[in-house]
Amino acid sequence: MKKIEPDEYLCRFVADSKGNVIGESVAIDGDIVIIKVGKNFIGIPIKHLEDDGKILKIKGLFSFDKAEELGKKWAERYEG
Protein backbone atom coordinates (compact mmCIF):
# COMPACT_ATOMS: atom_id res chain seq x y z
CA MET A 1 0.00 0.00 0.00
CA LYS A 2 1.37 3.41 -0.98
CA LYS A 3 1.98 6.08 1.62
CA ILE A 4 -0.68 8.79 1.65
CA GLU A 5 0.43 12.40 2.04
CA PRO A 6 -1.39 14.32 4.81
CA ASP A 7 -3.33 16.57 2.42
CA GLU A 8 -4.62 13.48 0.60
CA TYR A 9 -6.75 12.66 3.66
CA LEU A 10 -8.84 15.81 3.22
CA CYS A 11 -12.18 16.13 1.41
CA ARG A 12 -12.60 12.38 1.04
CA PHE A 13 -15.59 10.23 1.88
CA VAL A 14 -14.89 7.84 4.74
CA ALA A 15 -16.39 4.36 4.99
CA ASP A 16 -16.57 1.85 7.81
CA SER A 17 -14.91 -1.56 7.46
CA LYS A 18 -17.98 -2.87 5.58
CA GLY A 19 -17.78 -0.11 2.97
CA ASN A 20 -20.70 1.98 4.27
CA VAL A 21 -19.93 5.70 3.89
CA ILE A 22 -20.19 7.39 7.28
CA GLY A 23 -18.97 10.92 6.52
CA GLU A 24 -16.36 13.16 4.91
CA SER A 25 -12.90 14.11 6.13
CA VAL A 26 -12.65 17.84 6.83
CA ALA A 27 -9.43 18.41 8.81
CA ILE A 28 -6.28 16.88 10.22
CA ASP A 29 -5.40 17.48 13.87
CA GLY A 30 -1.94 16.02 14.47
CA ASP A 31 -2.31 12.33 13.63
CA ILE A 32 -6.14 12.44 13.81
CA VAL A 33 -8.39 12.84 10.78
CA ILE A 34 -11.56 14.79 11.62
CA ILE A 35 -14.65 13.43 9.89
CA LYS A 36 -17.97 15.25 9.60
CA VAL A 37 -20.79 12.81 10.32
CA GLY A 38 -24.12 14.58 9.90
CA LYS A 39 -23.92 17.63 12.17
CA ASN A 40 -21.23 16.09 14.38
CA PHE A 41 -17.53 15.34 14.09
CA ILE A 42 -15.49 12.27 14.95
CA GLY A 43 -11.72 11.81 15.05
CA ILE A 44 -10.03 8.69 13.67
CA PRO A 45 -6.27 8.12 13.98
CA ILE A 46 -4.52 8.10 10.60
CA LYS A 47 -3.19 4.61 11.36
CA HIS A 48 -6.80 3.34 11.25
CA LEU A 49 -7.47 4.66 7.73
CA GLU A 50 -6.47 3.20 4.40
CA ASP A 51 -6.80 4.53 0.87
CA ASP A 52 -9.44 2.46 -0.91
CA GLY A 53 -9.47 4.30 -4.21
CA LYS A 54 -12.08 7.06 -4.08
CA ILE A 55 -12.73 6.68 -0.34
CA LEU A 56 -10.85 6.26 2.91
CA LYS A 57 -11.75 3.06 4.71
CA ILE A 58 -11.55 2.54 8.47
CA LYS A 59 -9.48 -0.52 9.33
CA GLY A 60 -8.77 -2.35 12.54
CA LEU A 61 -10.43 -1.90 15.90
CA PHE A 62 -11.17 1.57 17.21
CA SER A 63 -13.50 2.98 19.83
CA PHE A 64 -16.41 4.94 18.37
CA ASP A 65 -16.85 6.59 21.80
CA LYS A 66 -13.22 7.76 21.69
CA ALA A 67 -13.72 8.94 18.08
CA GLU A 68 -16.72 11.04 19.16
CA GLU A 69 -14.71 12.48 22.06
CA LEU A 70 -11.83 13.47 19.75
CA GLY A 71 -14.25 15.04 17.28
CA LYS A 72 -16.04 16.98 20.00
CA LYS A 73 -12.75 18.37 21.37
CA TRP A 74 -11.73 19.48 17.88
CA ALA A 75 -15.10 21.14 17.24
CA GLU A 76 -14.95 23.02 20.55
CA ARG A 77 -11.51 24.42 19.63
CA TYR A 78 -12.24 25.37 16.04
CA GLU A 79 -15.93 26.11 15.89
CA GLY A 80 -16.61 27.87 18.92
PDB file of N, CA and C in Angstrom:
ATOM      1  N   MET A   1       0.849  -1.182   0.000  1.00  0.00           N
ATOM      2  CA  MET A   1       0.000   0.000   0.000  1.00  0.00           C
ATOM      3  C   MET A   1       0.894   1.244   0.000  1.00  0.00           C
ATOM      4  N   LYS A   2       0.562   2.195  -0.895  1.00  0.00           N
ATOM      5  CA  LYS A   2       1.374   3.411  -0.981  1.00  0.00           C
ATOM      6  C   LYS A   2       1.106   4.331   0.197  1.00  0.00           C
ATOM      7  N   LYS A   3       2.119   5.109   0.532  1.00  0.00           N
ATOM      8  CA  LYS A   3       1.982   6.081   1.617  1.00  0.00           C
ATOM      9  C   LYS A   3       1.116   7.241   1.140  1.00  0.00           C
ATOM     10  N   ILE A   4       0.203   7.675   1.975  1.00  0.00           N
ATOM     11  CA  ILE A   4      -0.681   8.790   1.649  1.00  0.00           C
ATOM     12  C   ILE A   4      -0.111  10.054   2.297  1.00  0.00           C
ATOM     13  N   GLU A   5      -0.011  11.112   1.513  1.00  0.00           N
ATOM     14  CA  GLU A   5       0.431  12.396   2.040  1.00  0.00           C
ATOM     15  C   GLU A   5      -0.696  12.991   2.886  1.00  0.00           C
ATOM     16  N   PRO A   6      -0.350  13.786   3.916  1.00  0.00           N
ATOM     17  CA  PRO A   6      -1.391  14.324   4.809  1.00  0.00           C
ATOM     18  C   PRO A   6      -2.537  15.034   4.100  1.00  0.00           C
ATOM     19  N   ASP A   7      -2.246  15.848   3.085  1.00  0.00           N
ATOM     20  CA  ASP A   7      -3.329  16.571   2.420  1.00  0.00           C
ATOM     21  C   ASP A   7      -4.239  15.656   1.600  1.00  0.00           C
ATOM     22  N   GLU A   8      -3.795  14.440   1.336  1.00  0.00           N
ATOM     23  CA  GLU A   8      -4.622  13.484   0.596  1.00  0.00           C
ATOM     24  C   GLU A   8      -5.726  12.876   1.467  1.00  0.00           C
ATOM     25  N   TYR A   9      -5.694  13.138   2.760  1.00  0.00           N
ATOM     26  CA  TYR A   9      -6.745  12.658   3.661  1.00  0.00           C
ATOM     27  C   TYR A   9      -7.953  13.598   3.667  1.00  0.00           C
ATOM     28  N   LEU A  10      -7.788  14.797   3.142  1.00  0.00           N
ATOM     29  CA  LEU A  10      -8.841  15.809   3.224  1.00  0.00           C
ATOM     30  C   LEU A  10      -9.846  15.698   2.085  1.00  0.00           C
ATOM     31  N   CYS A  11     -11.086  16.090   2.398  1.00  0.00           N
ATOM     32  CA  CYS A  11     -12.177  16.133   1.406  1.00  0.00           C
ATOM     33  C   CYS A  11     -12.397  14.783   0.739  1.00  0.00           C
ATOM     34  N   ARG A  12     -12.371  13.735   1.543  1.00  0.00           N
ATOM     35  CA  ARG A  12     -12.602  12.377   1.042  1.00  0.00           C
ATOM     36  C   ARG A  12     -13.755  11.770   1.829  1.00  0.00           C
ATOM     37  N   PHE A  13     -14.568  10.974   1.156  1.00  0.00           N
ATOM     38  CA  PHE A  13     -15.589  10.228   1.878  1.00  0.00           C
ATOM     39  C   PHE A  13     -14.899   9.136   2.675  1.00  0.00           C
ATOM     40  N   VAL A  14     -15.458   8.839   3.843  1.00  0.00           N
ATOM     41  CA  VAL A  14     -14.889   7.835   4.737  1.00  0.00           C
ATOM     42  C   VAL A  14     -15.932   6.752   4.961  1.00  0.00           C
ATOM     43  N   ALA A  15     -15.494   5.498   4.828  1.00  0.00           N
ATOM     44  CA  ALA A  15     -16.393   4.359   4.986  1.00  0.00           C
ATOM     45  C   ALA A  15     -15.944   3.496   6.158  1.00  0.00           C
ATOM     46  N   ASP A  16     -16.910   2.800   6.757  1.00  0.00           N
ATOM     47  CA  ASP A  16     -16.571   1.851   7.809  1.00  0.00           C
ATOM     48  C   ASP A  16     -15.951   0.610   7.164  1.00  0.00           C
ATOM     49  N   SER A  17     -15.599  -0.372   7.965  1.00  0.00           N
ATOM     50  CA  SER A  17     -14.911  -1.557   7.456  1.00  0.00           C
ATOM     51  C   SER A  17     -15.765  -2.374   6.485  1.00  0.00           C
ATOM     52  N   LYS A  18     -17.087  -2.154   6.492  1.00  0.00           N
ATOM     53  CA  LYS A  18     -17.982  -2.875   5.582  1.00  0.00           C
ATOM     54  C   LYS A  18     -18.219  -2.107   4.283  1.00  0.00           C
ATOM     55  N   GLY A  19     -17.634  -0.906   4.181  1.00  0.00           N
ATOM     56  CA  GLY A  19     -17.775  -0.114   2.974  1.00  0.00           C
ATOM     57  C   GLY A  19     -18.921   0.884   2.996  1.00  0.00           C
ATOM     58  N   ASN A  20     -19.607   1.014   4.138  1.00  0.00           N
ATOM     59  CA  ASN A  20     -20.698   1.981   4.270  1.00  0.00           C
ATOM     60  C   ASN A  20     -20.136   3.366   4.550  1.00  0.00           C
ATOM     61  N   VAL A  21     -20.443   4.340   3.700  1.00  0.00           N
ATOM     62  CA  VAL A  21     -19.934   5.705   3.886  1.00  0.00           C
ATOM     63  C   VAL A  21     -20.566   6.299   5.139  1.00  0.00           C
ATOM     64  N   ILE A  22     -19.697   6.819   6.022  1.00  0.00           N
ATOM     65  CA  ILE A  22     -20.191   7.393   7.276  1.00  0.00           C
ATOM     66  C   ILE A  22     -20.038   8.909   7.332  1.00  0.00           C
ATOM     67  N   GLY A  23     -19.172   9.482   6.483  1.00  0.00           N
ATOM     68  CA  GLY A  23     -18.968  10.920   6.519  1.00  0.00           C
ATOM     69  C   GLY A  23     -17.878  11.345   5.566  1.00  0.00           C
ATOM     70  N   GLU A  24     -17.398  12.591   5.771  1.00  0.00           N
ATOM     71  CA  GLU A  24     -16.362  13.160   4.912  1.00  0.00           C
ATOM     72  C   GLU A  24     -15.266  13.782   5.769  1.00  0.00           C
ATOM     73  N   SER A  25     -14.026  13.543   5.386  1.00  0.00           N
ATOM     74  CA  SER A  25     -12.902  14.107   6.130  1.00  0.00           C
ATOM     75  C   SER A  25     -12.805  15.601   5.872  1.00  0.00           C
ATOM     76  N   VAL A  26     -12.646  16.376   6.956  1.00  0.00           N
ATOM     77  CA  VAL A  26     -12.652  17.836   6.831  1.00  0.00           C
ATOM     78  C   VAL A  26     -11.399  18.507   7.395  1.00  0.00           C
ATOM     79  N   ALA A  27     -10.618  17.789   8.201  1.00  0.00           N
ATOM     80  CA  ALA A  27      -9.434  18.405   8.808  1.00  0.00           C
ATOM     81  C   ALA A  27      -8.491  17.327   9.314  1.00  0.00           C
ATOM     82  N   ILE A  28      -7.260  17.749   9.567  1.00  0.00           N
ATOM     83  CA  ILE A  28      -6.277  16.881  10.219  1.00  0.00           C
ATOM     84  C   ILE A  28      -5.806  17.616  11.458  1.00  0.00           C
ATOM     85  N   ASP A  29      -5.817  16.916  12.582  1.00  0.00           N
ATOM     86  CA  ASP A  29      -5.399  17.479  13.866  1.00  0.00           C
ATOM     87  C   ASP A  29      -4.301  16.574  14.418  1.00  0.00           C
ATOM     88  N   GLY A  30      -3.041  16.900  14.096  1.00  0.00           N
ATOM     89  CA  GLY A  30      -1.939  16.024  14.474  1.00  0.00           C
ATOM     90  C   GLY A  30      -2.008  14.749  13.658  1.00  0.00           C
ATOM     91  N   ASP A  31      -2.190  13.607  14.336  1.00  0.00           N
ATOM     92  CA  ASP A  31      -2.314  12.331  13.629  1.00  0.00           C
ATOM     93  C   ASP A  31      -3.765  11.831  13.607  1.00  0.00           C
ATOM     94  N   ILE A  32      -4.703  12.761  13.800  1.00  0.00           N
ATOM     95  CA  ILE A  32      -6.136  12.439  13.811  1.00  0.00           C
ATOM     96  C   ILE A  32      -6.811  13.086  12.604  1.00  0.00           C
ATOM     97  N   VAL A  33      -7.594  12.300  11.876  1.00  0.00           N
ATOM     98  CA  VAL A  33      -8.394  12.838  10.778  1.00  0.00           C
ATOM     99  C   VAL A  33      -9.782  13.135  11.332  1.00  0.00           C
ATOM    100  N   ILE A  34     -10.239  14.366  11.139  1.00  0.00           N
ATOM    101  CA  ILE A  34     -11.555  14.785  11.617  1.00  0.00           C
ATOM    102  C   ILE A  34     -12.565  14.531  10.504  1.00  0.00           C
ATOM    103  N   ILE A  35     -13.642  13.835  10.858  1.00  0.00           N
ATOM    104  CA  ILE A  35     -14.652  13.429   9.894  1.00  0.00           C
ATOM    105  C   ILE A  35     -15.993  14.017  10.298  1.00  0.00           C
ATOM    106  N   LYS A  36     -16.633  14.694   9.346  1.00  0.00           N
ATOM    107  CA  LYS A  36     -17.971  15.251   9.597  1.00  0.00           C
ATOM    108  C   LYS A  36     -18.983  14.138   9.340  1.00  0.00           C
ATOM    109  N   VAL A  37     -19.756  13.845  10.391  1.00  0.00           N
ATOM    110  CA  VAL A  37     -20.789  12.810  10.321  1.00  0.00           C
ATOM    111  C   VAL A  37     -22.105  13.494  10.669  1.00  0.00           C
ATOM    112  N   GLY A  38     -22.900  13.806   9.658  1.00  0.00           N
ATOM    113  CA  GLY A  38     -24.116  14.577   9.897  1.00  0.00           C
ATOM    114  C   GLY A  38     -23.737  15.958  10.396  1.00  0.00           C
ATOM    115  N   LYS A  39     -24.252  16.335  11.571  1.00  0.00           N
ATOM    116  CA  LYS A  39     -23.921  17.635  12.170  1.00  0.00           C
ATOM    117  C   LYS A  39     -22.769  17.531  13.151  1.00  0.00           C
ATOM    118  N   ASN A  40     -22.271  16.327  13.387  1.00  0.00           N
ATOM    119  CA  ASN A  40     -21.230  16.087  14.379  1.00  0.00           C
ATOM    120  C   ASN A  40     -19.904  15.752  13.723  1.00  0.00           C
ATOM    121  N   PHE A  41     -18.864  15.683  14.550  1.00  0.00           N
ATOM    122  CA  PHE A  41     -17.530  15.340  14.093  1.00  0.00           C
ATOM    123  C   PHE A  41     -17.005  14.167  14.903  1.00  0.00           C
ATOM    124  N   ILE A  42     -16.214  13.318  14.245  1.00  0.00           N
ATOM    125  CA  ILE A  42     -15.488  12.271  14.954  1.00  0.00           C
ATOM    126  C   ILE A  42     -14.025  12.376  14.537  1.00  0.00           C
ATOM    127  N   GLY A  43     -13.151  11.822  15.355  1.00  0.00           N
ATOM    128  CA  GLY A  43     -11.725  11.812  15.046  1.00  0.00           C
ATOM    129  C   GLY A  43     -11.218  10.380  14.970  1.00  0.00           C
ATOM    130  N   ILE A  44     -10.578  10.036  13.865  1.00  0.00           N
ATOM    131  CA  ILE A  44     -10.030   8.692  13.666  1.00  0.00           C
ATOM    132  C   ILE A  44      -8.524   8.827  13.456  1.00  0.00           C
ATOM    133  N   PRO A  45      -7.717   8.078  14.207  1.00  0.00           N
ATOM    134  CA  PRO A  45      -6.266   8.122  13.980  1.00  0.00           C
ATOM    135  C   PRO A  45      -5.928   7.711  12.546  1.00  0.00           C
ATOM    136  N   ILE A  46      -4.953   8.397  11.963  1.00  0.00           N
ATOM    137  CA  ILE A  46      -4.522   8.095  10.600  1.00  0.00           C
ATOM    138  C   ILE A  46      -4.188   6.619  10.445  1.00  0.00           C
ATOM    139  N   LYS A  47      -3.586   6.018  11.471  1.00  0.00           N
ATOM    140  CA  LYS A  47      -3.188   4.611  11.356  1.00  0.00           C
ATOM    141  C   LYS A  47      -4.383   3.671  11.172  1.00  0.00           C
ATOM    142  N   HIS A  48      -5.601   4.157  11.425  1.00  0.00           N
ATOM    143  CA  HIS A  48      -6.802   3.338  11.250  1.00  0.00           C
ATOM    144  C   HIS A  48      -7.523   3.625   9.940  1.00  0.00           C
ATOM    145  N   LEU A  49      -6.868   4.349   9.034  1.00  0.00           N
ATOM    146  CA  LEU A  49      -7.471   4.660   7.732  1.00  0.00           C
ATOM    147  C   LEU A  49      -6.582   4.138   6.616  1.00  0.00           C
ATOM    148  N   GLU A  50      -7.225   3.620   5.573  1.00  0.00           N
ATOM    149  CA  GLU A  50      -6.471   3.203   4.400  1.00  0.00           C
ATOM    150  C   GLU A  50      -7.136   3.751   3.144  1.00  0.00           C
ATOM    151  N   ASP A  51      -6.313   4.020   2.145  1.00  0.00           N
ATOM    152  CA  ASP A  51      -6.804   4.534   0.871  1.00  0.00           C
ATOM    153  C   ASP A  51      -7.439   3.375   0.111  1.00  0.00           C
ATOM    154  N   ASP A  52      -8.717   3.507  -0.184  1.00  0.00           N
ATOM    155  CA  ASP A  52      -9.439   2.457  -0.905  1.00  0.00           C
ATOM    156  C   ASP A  52      -9.972   3.032  -2.221  1.00  0.00           C
ATOM    157  N   GLY A  53      -9.074   3.684  -2.951  1.00  0.00           N
ATOM    158  CA  GLY A  53      -9.471   4.304  -4.207  1.00  0.00           C
ATOM    159  C   GLY A  53     -10.095   5.663  -3.977  1.00  0.00           C
ATOM    160  N   LYS A  54     -11.404   5.770  -4.213  1.00  0.00           N
ATOM    161  CA  LYS A  54     -12.078   7.060  -4.078  1.00  0.00           C
ATOM    162  C   LYS A  54     -12.414   7.405  -2.638  1.00  0.00           C
ATOM    163  N   ILE A  55     -12.358   6.439  -1.740  1.00  0.00           N
ATOM    164  CA  ILE A  55     -12.730   6.682  -0.344  1.00  0.00           C
ATOM    165  C   ILE A  55     -11.598   6.287   0.592  1.00  0.00           C
ATOM    166  N   LEU A  56     -11.703   6.745   1.835  1.00  0.00           N
ATOM    167  CA  LEU A  56     -10.849   6.258   2.914  1.00  0.00           C
ATOM    168  C   LEU A  56     -11.667   5.227   3.673  1.00  0.00           C
ATOM    169  N   LYS A  57     -11.046   4.136   4.015  1.00  0.00           N
ATOM    170  CA  LYS A  57     -11.753   3.062   4.708  1.00  0.00           C
ATOM    171  C   LYS A  57     -11.144   2.876   6.099  1.00  0.00           C
ATOM    172  N   ILE A  58     -12.013   2.774   7.102  1.00  0.00           N
ATOM    173  CA  ILE A  58     -11.548   2.538   8.470  1.00  0.00           C
ATOM    174  C   ILE A  58     -11.143   1.082   8.583  1.00  0.00           C
ATOM    175  N   LYS A  59      -9.967   0.847   9.156  1.00  0.00           N
ATOM    176  CA  LYS A  59      -9.478  -0.517   9.332  1.00  0.00           C
ATOM    177  C   LYS A  59      -9.137  -0.750  10.791  1.00  0.00           C
ATOM    178  N   GLY A  60      -9.149  -1.988  11.186  1.00  0.00           N
ATOM    179  CA  GLY A  60      -8.772  -2.353  12.541  1.00  0.00           C
ATOM    180  C   GLY A  60      -9.842  -1.979  13.554  1.00  0.00           C
ATOM    181  N   LEU A  61      -9.511  -2.196  14.805  1.00  0.00           N
ATOM    182  CA  LEU A  61     -10.430  -1.898  15.895  1.00  0.00           C
ATOM    183  C   LEU A  61     -10.192  -0.487  16.406  1.00  0.00           C
ATOM    184  N   PHE A  62     -11.263   0.245  16.601  1.00  0.00           N
ATOM    185  CA  PHE A  62     -11.174   1.568  17.207  1.00  0.00           C
ATOM    186  C   PHE A  62     -12.440   1.785  18.017  1.00  0.00           C
ATOM    187  N   SER A  63     -12.365   2.683  18.958  1.00  0.00           N
ATOM    188  CA  SER A  63     -13.495   2.982  19.828  1.00  0.00           C
ATOM    189  C   SER A  63     -14.305   4.135  19.250  1.00  0.00           C
ATOM    190  N   PHE A  64     -15.569   3.875  18.893  1.00  0.00           N
ATOM    191  CA  PHE A  64     -16.413   4.943  18.370  1.00  0.00           C
ATOM    192  C   PHE A  64     -16.627   6.014  19.433  1.00  0.00           C
ATOM    193  N   ASP A  65     -16.716   5.608  20.713  1.00  0.00           N
ATOM    194  CA  ASP A  65     -16.855   6.589  21.797  1.00  0.00           C
ATOM    195  C   ASP A  65     -15.645   7.522  21.836  1.00  0.00           C
ATOM    196  N   LYS A  66     -14.448   6.953  21.698  1.00  0.00           N
ATOM    197  CA  LYS A  66     -13.222   7.758  21.693  1.00  0.00           C
ATOM    198  C   LYS A  66     -13.204   8.666  20.460  1.00  0.00           C
ATOM    199  N   ALA A  67     -13.665   8.150  19.313  1.00  0.00           N
ATOM    200  CA  ALA A  67     -13.721   8.942  18.082  1.00  0.00           C
ATOM    201  C   ALA A  67     -14.646  10.142  18.261  1.00  0.00           C
ATOM    202  N   GLU A  68     -15.790   9.930  18.904  1.00  0.00           N
ATOM    203  CA  GLU A  68     -16.719  11.035  19.163  1.00  0.00           C
ATOM    204  C   GLU A  68     -16.093  12.064  20.097  1.00  0.00           C
ATOM    205  N   GLU A  69     -15.373  11.582  21.108  1.00  0.00           N
ATOM    206  CA  GLU A  69     -14.709  12.478  22.062  1.00  0.00           C
ATOM    207  C   GLU A  69     -13.656  13.340  21.349  1.00  0.00           C
ATOM    208  N   LEU A  70     -12.848  12.727  20.489  1.00  0.00           N
ATOM    209  CA  LEU A  70     -11.825  13.469  19.746  1.00  0.00           C
ATOM    210  C   LEU A  70     -12.473  14.494  18.820  1.00  0.00           C
ATOM    211  N   GLY A  71     -13.550  14.111  18.173  1.00  0.00           N
ATOM    212  CA  GLY A  71     -14.252  15.036  17.280  1.00  0.00           C
ATOM    213  C   GLY A  71     -14.864  16.206  18.026  1.00  0.00           C
ATOM    214  N   LYS A  72     -15.427  15.923  19.199  1.00  0.00           N
ATOM    215  CA  LYS A  72     -16.045  16.983  20.001  1.00  0.00           C
ATOM    216  C   LYS A  72     -14.979  17.974  20.487  1.00  0.00           C
ATOM    217  N   LYS A  73     -13.829  17.478  20.924  1.00  0.00           N
ATOM    218  CA  LYS A  73     -12.748  18.367  21.371  1.00  0.00           C
ATOM    219  C   LYS A  73     -12.279  19.265  20.235  1.00  0.00           C
ATOM    220  N   TRP A  74     -12.149  18.693  19.028  1.00  0.00           N
ATOM    221  CA  TRP A  74     -11.730  19.479  17.879  1.00  0.00           C
ATOM    222  C   TRP A  74     -12.769  20.564  17.578  1.00  0.00           C
ATOM    223  N   ALA A  75     -14.038  20.189  17.559  1.00  0.00           N
ATOM    224  CA  ALA A  75     -15.103  21.136  17.239  1.00  0.00           C
ATOM    225  C   ALA A  75     -15.160  22.288  18.253  1.00  0.00           C
ATOM    226  N   GLU A  76     -14.945  21.978  19.519  1.00  0.00           N
ATOM    227  CA  GLU A  76     -14.953  23.020  20.552  1.00  0.00           C
ATOM    228  C   GLU A  76     -13.827  24.020  20.330  1.00  0.00           C
ATOM    229  N   ARG A  77     -12.653  23.534  19.873  1.00  0.00           N
ATOM    230  CA  ARG A  77     -11.508  24.420  19.631  1.00  0.00           C
ATOM    231  C   ARG A  77     -11.695  25.264  18.385  1.00  0.00           C
ATOM    232  N   TYR A  78     -12.237  24.684  17.333  1.00  0.00           N
ATOM    233  CA  TYR A  78     -12.238  25.373  16.041  1.00  0.00           C
ATOM    234  C   TYR A  78     -13.589  25.948  15.609  1.00  0.00           C
ATOM    235  N   GLU A  79     -14.638  25.568  16.275  1.00  0.00           N
ATOM    236  CA  GLU A  79     -15.934  26.106  15.886  1.00  0.00           C
ATOM    237  C   GLU A  79     -16.489  27.075  16.905  1.00  0.00           C
ATOM    238  N   GLY A  80     -15.935  27.033  18.064  1.00  0.00           N
ATOM    239  CA  GLY A  80     -16.609  27.870  18.915  1.00  0.00           C
ATOM    240  C   GLY A  80     -16.273  28.439  20.140  1.00  0.00           C
TER     241      GLY A  80
END
